[in-house]
Amino acid sequence: MDSKGALSVKPVRQSRLVAILAGVWLTVILVLAVWWAWFVLRQSATIVELSHRAGIAEALVLAEEARTHRMLFWEWGTFLVLLLTVSGALLWYYRRDMQRARGTQAFFAALTHELRTPLTSVRLQTEAIAAGEPTQELIERLLADTHRLESQIDKTLELARLEGGGSLAEQAIRLDAWLERVLQGIAAQEGEGAELRVVVDANLPPVHGDTAAVQLILRNLVENSLRHGDRERIHIDVHASVAGNGATIRYRDDGRGFEGDPSKLGRLFLRGGSSRGTGVGLYLVRVLMDRMGGDVQFAHADGGGFAATLRFQRSSG
């Protein structure tokens, strides 16, 4: 009996079936095309032979034969280009579907691990507290693991909502009024691993966005720094400034950074070399910024580390 479940076996079998059908379809079309070309050439030769027997001038016969060959060449060439284009598109969609299926399986595997670890820790700490050992350290670890669970569930629910076409509660946001307070609260929830410095320029215009979405974006960036920074203490600098008709938030840390091409960050289920995380956090950052009419750019920070630039549109309200 196959040890894999239906969620993993069925997509693979369907993809193989699609590949087999595509191969059969391509073979049949090529066979028909070759047969058609052979048939036209044979008919052309027959016409030439009959024309010679009928006493038609040689020049007219040769001209008609050349015209038939040109017609065959252009029709065959056009058909071949269309066939290769359609086949290439089908292959591209097939490969993308396979990559997405593998990414989905990797996401569920990573999510299971991300949830199992804090759940196990919560259970052990709860058992210790129930046994009469409610130390401050146990309580703090219990709160930290509970927050970690909540964060993973929030990201998973937000991913499901966005992929399902959910809308945002967009409004005018005054970043200068609450940006530092929100970031300090996020850093405090994440523990003592982050040292935060926030600079907010004066006269920031109200920007267009969703406050819950912006908070999730900032939390995902801080979590990304702490999880992948590979440092006991991560220094995070955030600078909000006026940019054109809107506002820009520049975020950077002094962690290890991303070893590959930073332009690839933000793809769904993309994970770094450490293979930690689910590959959803930065994807949500990119999608939420796009939904709010802004954009985000990920980069290597000067001197090492991770950097992100968030650009918000000015609110018209």
Protein backbone atom coordinates (compact mmCIF):
# COMPACT_ATOMS: atom_id res chain seq x y z
CA MET A 1 0.00 0.00 0.00
CA ASP A 2 1.26 3.48 -0.85
CA SER A 3 2.43 5.30 2.25
CA LYS A 4 1.47 8.69 0.83
CA GLY A 5 -1.98 10.17 1.30
CA ALA A 6 -4.45 11.29 -1.32
CA LEU A 7 -3.45 14.94 -0.97
CA SER A 8 0.05 14.17 -2.22
CA VAL A 9 -0.55 11.14 -4.48
CA LYS A 10 -3.54 12.43 -6.46
CA PRO A 11 -1.92 15.67 -7.77
CA VAL A 12 1.17 13.72 -8.85
CA ARG A 13 -0.92 11.12 -10.68
CA GLN A 14 -2.99 13.82 -12.36
CA SER A 15 0.16 15.63 -13.48
CA ARG A 16 1.58 12.42 -14.94
CA LEU A 17 -1.70 11.79 -16.77
CA VAL A 18 -1.62 15.31 -18.20
CA ALA A 19 1.96 14.78 -19.37
CA ILE A 20 1.06 11.46 -21.05
CA LEU A 21 -2.00 12.96 -22.78
CA ALA A 22 0.05 15.95 -23.94
CA GLY A 23 2.66 13.59 -25.40
CA VAL A 24 0.02 11.54 -27.20
CA TRP A 25 -1.63 14.70 -28.53
CA LEU A 26 1.67 16.06 -29.82
CA THR A 27 2.53 12.74 -31.49
CA VAL A 28 -0.85 12.50 -33.22
CA ILE A 29 -0.64 16.07 -34.48
CA LEU A 30 2.87 15.55 -35.84
CA VAL A 31 1.84 12.32 -37.58
CA LEU A 32 -1.15 14.06 -39.17
CA ALA A 33 1.02 16.97 -40.26
CA VAL A 34 3.58 14.68 -41.89
CA TRP A 35 0.81 12.72 -43.60
CA TRP A 36 -0.79 15.95 -44.86
CA ALA A 37 2.52 17.23 -46.26
CA TRP A 38 3.19 13.89 -47.96
CA PHE A 39 -0.31 13.83 -49.43
CA VAL A 40 -0.01 17.37 -50.85
CA LEU A 41 3.39 16.64 -52.38
CA ARG A 42 2.09 13.41 -53.91
CA GLN A 43 -0.92 15.20 -55.39
CA SER A 44 1.37 17.91 -56.73
CA ALA A 45 3.55 15.31 -58.44
CA THR A 46 0.44 13.67 -59.93
CA ILE A 47 -0.79 17.02 -61.25
CA VAL A 48 2.59 17.72 -62.84
CA GLU A 49 2.59 14.32 -64.52
CA LEU A 50 -0.94 14.78 -65.86
CA SER A 51 -0.06 18.28 -67.09
CA HIS A 52 2.87 16.88 -69.05
CA ARG A 53 0.61 14.27 -70.63
CA ALA A 54 -1.93 16.96 -71.51
CA GLY A 55 0.74 18.95 -73.32
CA ILE A 56 0.69 21.97 -71.06
CA ALA A 57 3.75 24.21 -71.41
CA GLU A 58 6.71 23.21 -69.21
CA ALA A 59 7.05 26.74 -67.78
CA LEU A 60 3.44 26.77 -66.59
CA VAL A 61 3.79 23.33 -65.03
CA LEU A 62 6.99 24.31 -63.19
CA ALA A 63 5.44 27.59 -62.00
CA GLU A 64 2.40 25.75 -60.62
CA GLU A 65 4.63 23.19 -58.91
CA ALA A 66 6.74 25.95 -57.32
CA ARG A 67 3.60 27.72 -56.14
CA THR A 68 2.35 24.52 -54.55
CA HIS A 69 5.67 23.99 -52.79
CA ARG A 70 5.67 27.58 -51.48
CA MET A 71 2.14 27.18 -50.22
CA LEU A 72 3.09 23.95 -48.51
CA PHE A 73 6.20 25.52 -46.97
CA TRP A 74 4.36 28.53 -45.52
CA GLU A 75 1.36 26.54 -44.32
CA TRP A 76 3.59 23.90 -42.77
CA GLY A 77 5.84 26.55 -41.21
CA THR A 78 2.88 28.43 -39.75
CA PHE A 79 1.39 25.22 -38.44
CA LEU A 80 4.72 24.19 -36.90
CA VAL A 81 5.15 27.56 -35.15
CA LEU A 82 1.62 27.39 -33.73
CA LEU A 83 2.17 23.80 -32.64
CA LEU A 84 5.44 24.62 -30.87
CA THR A 85 3.89 27.72 -29.24
CA VAL A 86 0.91 25.79 -27.89
CA SER A 87 3.12 22.92 -26.76
CA GLY A 88 5.52 25.30 -25.04
CA ALA A 89 2.64 27.01 -23.23
CA LEU A 90 1.27 23.66 -22.09
CA LEU A 91 4.73 22.61 -20.87
CA TRP A 92 5.14 25.90 -19.00
CA TYR A 93 1.76 25.57 -17.30
CA TYR A 94 2.50 21.94 -16.47
CA ARG A 95 5.87 22.78 -14.88
CA ARG A 96 4.34 25.69 -12.94
CA ASP A 97 1.59 23.41 -11.67
CA MET A 98 4.14 20.83 -10.58
CA GLN A 99 6.25 23.47 -8.82
CA ARG A 100 3.19 24.83 -7.05
CA ALA A 101 2.17 21.33 -5.99
CA ARG A 102 5.64 20.65 -4.58
CA GLY A 103 5.63 24.05 -2.90
CA THR A 104 2.25 23.32 -1.32
CA GLN A 105 3.50 19.99 0.03
CA ALA A 106 6.64 21.66 1.40
CA PHE A 107 4.48 24.38 2.98
CA PHE A 108 2.31 21.87 4.83
CA ALA A 109 5.38 19.96 5.97
CA ALA A 110 7.03 23.15 7.24
CA LEU A 111 3.79 24.39 8.81
CA THR A 112 3.36 21.08 10.64
CA HIS A 113 6.87 21.41 12.03
CA GLU A 114 6.35 25.07 12.94
CA LEU A 115 3.17 24.23 14.85
CA ARG A 116 4.35 20.98 16.42
CA THR A 117 7.43 22.47 18.09
CA PRO A 118 5.64 25.20 20.11
CA LEU A 119 2.68 22.89 20.79
CA THR A 120 5.02 20.33 22.34
CA SER A 121 6.71 23.05 24.35
CA VAL A 122 3.36 24.43 25.51
CA ARG A 123 2.27 20.97 26.63
CA LEU A 124 5.48 20.35 28.61
CA GLN A 125 5.37 23.76 30.28
CA THR A 126 1.69 23.36 31.12
CA GLU A 127 2.42 19.97 32.68
CA ALA A 128 5.22 21.52 34.75
CA ILE A 129 2.93 24.32 35.92
CA ALA A 130 0.18 21.81 36.73
CA ALA A 131 2.71 19.85 38.79
CA GLY A 132 3.28 22.89 41.00
CA GLU A 133 6.31 24.46 39.34
CA PRO A 134 4.96 27.79 37.97
CA THR A 135 8.30 29.56 37.65
CA GLN A 136 8.56 32.92 35.91
CA GLU A 137 10.78 31.39 33.24
CA LEU A 138 8.17 28.74 32.41
CA ILE A 139 5.42 31.33 32.21
CA GLU A 140 7.49 33.54 29.89
CA ARG A 141 8.34 30.59 27.64
CA LEU A 142 4.67 29.57 27.60
CA LEU A 143 3.67 33.07 26.52
CA ALA A 144 6.39 33.14 23.84
CA ASP A 145 5.32 29.78 22.40
CA THR A 146 1.67 30.83 22.47
CA HIS A 147 2.56 33.97 20.55
CA ARG A 148 4.52 31.88 18.04
CA LEU A 149 1.50 29.66 17.47
CA GLU A 150 -0.76 32.68 17.08
CA SER A 151 1.62 34.21 14.54
CA GLN A 152 1.75 31.06 12.41
CA ILE A 153 -2.03 30.68 12.48
CA ASP A 154 -2.52 34.36 11.59
CA LYS A 155 -0.23 34.04 8.57
CA THR A 156 -1.93 30.86 7.41
CA LEU A 157 -5.39 32.41 7.75
CA GLU A 158 -4.28 35.58 5.97
CA LEU A 159 -2.78 33.50 3.14
CA ALA A 160 -6.06 31.58 2.76
CA ARG A 161 -8.07 34.82 2.82
CA LEU A 162 -5.95 36.57 0.20
CA GLU A 163 -5.78 33.54 -2.09
CA GLY A 164 -9.55 33.30 -1.79
CA GLY A 165 -9.98 36.89 -3.01
CA GLY A 166 -10.63 38.53 0.36
CA SER A 167 -10.64 42.33 0.51
CA LEU A 168 -8.88 44.77 2.82
CA ALA A 169 -10.39 47.44 5.09
CA GLU A 170 -8.54 50.29 3.38
CA GLN A 171 -8.47 53.74 4.92
CA ALA A 172 -6.20 56.71 5.56
CA ILE A 173 -3.35 55.81 7.96
CA ARG A 174 -1.19 58.29 9.84
CA LEU A 175 2.12 56.43 10.09
CA ASP A 176 3.72 59.10 12.26
CA ALA A 177 1.05 58.59 14.93
CA TRP A 178 1.50 54.90 15.60
CA LEU A 179 4.40 53.38 13.60
CA GLU A 180 6.96 53.43 16.43
CA ARG A 181 4.44 52.21 18.99
CA VAL A 182 3.40 49.26 16.80
CA LEU A 183 7.00 48.28 16.08
CA GLN A 184 7.97 48.47 19.75
CA GLY A 185 5.01 46.26 20.62
CA ILE A 186 6.00 43.71 17.95
CA ALA A 187 9.62 43.67 19.14
CA ALA A 188 8.49 43.19 22.74
CA GLN A 189 6.29 40.24 21.75
CA GLU A 190 9.17 38.62 19.87
CA GLY A 191 11.39 38.59 22.95
CA GLU A 192 14.74 40.19 23.72
CA GLY A 193 16.44 39.25 20.45
CA ALA A 194 15.66 42.52 18.66
CA GLU A 195 17.13 45.95 19.31
CA LEU A 196 14.91 48.43 17.50
CA ARG A 197 15.56 51.98 16.34
CA VAL A 198 12.71 53.88 14.66
CA VAL A 199 13.00 57.27 12.97
CA VAL A 200 9.86 58.96 11.68
CA ASP A 201 10.22 62.18 9.71
CA ALA A 202 7.88 65.04 10.41
CA ASN A 203 4.98 65.93 8.11
CA LEU A 204 4.37 62.42 6.85
CA PRO A 205 1.19 62.45 4.72
CA PRO A 206 -1.64 60.02 5.50
CA VAL A 207 -1.19 56.92 3.38
CA HIS A 208 -3.66 54.54 1.78
CA GLY A 209 -3.79 51.13 3.45
CA ASP A 210 -5.21 48.72 5.99
CA THR A 211 -3.91 49.06 9.57
CA ALA A 212 -4.16 45.32 10.27
CA ALA A 213 -2.33 44.56 7.01
CA VAL A 214 0.45 47.06 7.81
CA GLN A 215 0.86 45.56 11.28
CA LEU A 216 1.11 42.07 9.78
CA ILE A 217 3.68 43.33 7.27
CA LEU A 218 5.84 44.85 10.01
CA ARG A 219 5.53 41.75 12.20
CA ASN A 220 6.53 39.47 9.32
CA LEU A 221 9.61 41.61 8.64
CA VAL A 222 10.69 41.52 12.30
CA GLU A 223 10.05 37.77 12.51
CA ASN A 224 12.06 37.26 9.33
CA SER A 225 15.00 39.17 10.83
CA LEU A 226 14.93 37.21 14.08
CA ARG A 227 14.39 33.83 12.45
CA HIS A 228 16.93 34.12 9.63
CA GLY A 229 19.34 36.73 10.98
CA ASP A 230 21.48 34.07 12.70
CA ARG A 231 22.49 36.45 15.48
CA GLU A 232 21.85 36.43 19.21
CA ARG A 233 21.04 40.13 19.00
CA ILE A 234 19.59 41.69 15.86
CA HIS A 235 19.72 45.45 15.34
CA ILE A 236 16.77 46.70 13.31
CA ASP A 237 16.59 50.20 11.84
CA VAL A 238 13.31 51.59 10.50
CA HIS A 239 13.07 54.97 8.82
CA ALA A 240 9.78 56.45 7.61
CA SER A 241 10.08 59.43 5.27
CA VAL A 242 8.16 61.47 2.71
CA ALA A 243 8.64 60.18 -0.82
CA GLY A 244 6.99 61.94 -3.75
CA ASN A 245 3.25 61.97 -3.18
CA GLY A 246 3.35 59.29 -0.50
CA ALA A 247 5.60 57.79 2.15
CA THR A 248 8.39 55.23 2.28
CA ILE A 249 9.43 52.91 5.11
CA ARG A 250 13.01 51.68 4.86
CA TYR A 251 13.70 48.59 6.94
CA ARG A 252 17.09 46.97 7.50
CA ASP A 253 18.79 44.61 9.95
CA ASP A 254 22.38 43.53 10.57
CA GLY A 255 21.72 39.79 10.40
CA ARG A 256 23.10 37.20 8.02
CA GLY A 257 20.85 38.32 5.20
CA PHE A 258 19.65 36.33 2.21
CA GLU A 259 22.38 34.42 0.39
CA GLY A 260 20.67 34.33 -3.00
CA ASP A 261 19.12 36.90 -5.30
CA PRO A 262 16.95 39.19 -3.12
CA SER A 263 14.66 39.93 -6.06
CA LYS A 264 13.34 36.35 -5.70
CA LEU A 265 12.16 37.03 -2.15
CA GLY A 266 8.41 37.34 -1.81
CA ARG A 267 7.63 34.31 -3.95
CA LEU A 268 5.14 31.93 -2.44
CA PHE A 269 6.74 29.05 -0.46
CA LEU A 270 10.27 30.33 -1.17
CA ARG A 271 12.55 29.51 1.75
CA GLY A 272 16.20 30.29 2.37
CA GLY A 273 19.05 27.84 2.69
CA SER A 274 18.28 27.27 6.38
CA SER A 275 14.93 25.73 5.30
CA ARG A 276 13.29 27.25 8.37
CA GLY A 277 9.88 28.85 8.16
CA THR A 278 7.04 28.19 5.75
CA GLY A 279 7.95 30.59 2.94
CA VAL A 280 4.79 32.65 3.48
CA GLY A 281 5.84 35.70 5.51
CA LEU A 282 7.54 37.77 2.81
CA TYR A 283 4.99 36.61 0.24
CA LEU A 284 2.26 38.17 2.39
CA VAL A 285 4.35 41.35 2.62
CA ARG A 286 4.52 41.61 -1.16
CA VAL A 287 0.87 40.73 -1.79
CA LEU A 288 -0.49 43.03 0.92
CA MET A 289 1.59 45.96 -0.34
CA ASP A 290 0.31 45.31 -3.85
CA ARG A 291 -3.30 45.11 -2.65
CA MET A 292 -2.91 48.49 -0.91
CA GLY A 293 -1.62 50.09 -4.10
CA GLY A 294 2.00 50.23 -2.94
CA ASP A 295 5.03 48.08 -3.59
CA VAL A 296 7.97 46.51 -1.78
CA GLN A 297 11.56 45.89 -2.79
CA PHE A 298 13.84 43.44 -0.99
CA ALA A 299 17.61 43.88 -1.10
CA HIS A 300 20.93 43.17 0.57
CA ALA A 301 21.59 45.77 3.26
CA ASP A 302 24.78 47.82 3.08
CA GLY A 303 27.41 46.11 5.19
CA GLY A 304 25.44 42.86 5.29
CA GLY A 305 21.97 41.99 6.43
CA PHE A 306 18.47 42.20 5.02
CA ALA A 307 16.71 45.32 3.73
CA ALA A 308 13.21 46.12 2.52
CA THR A 309 11.71 49.31 1.12
CA LEU A 310 7.95 49.77 1.47
CA ARG A 311 6.32 52.46 -0.66
CA PHE A 312 2.84 53.68 0.25
CA GLN A 313 0.52 55.86 -1.80
CA ARG A 314 -0.83 59.06 -0.29
CA SER A 315 -4.43 58.74 0.84
CA SER A 316 -6.93 60.78 -1.12
CA GLY A 317 -9.44 60.71 1.73
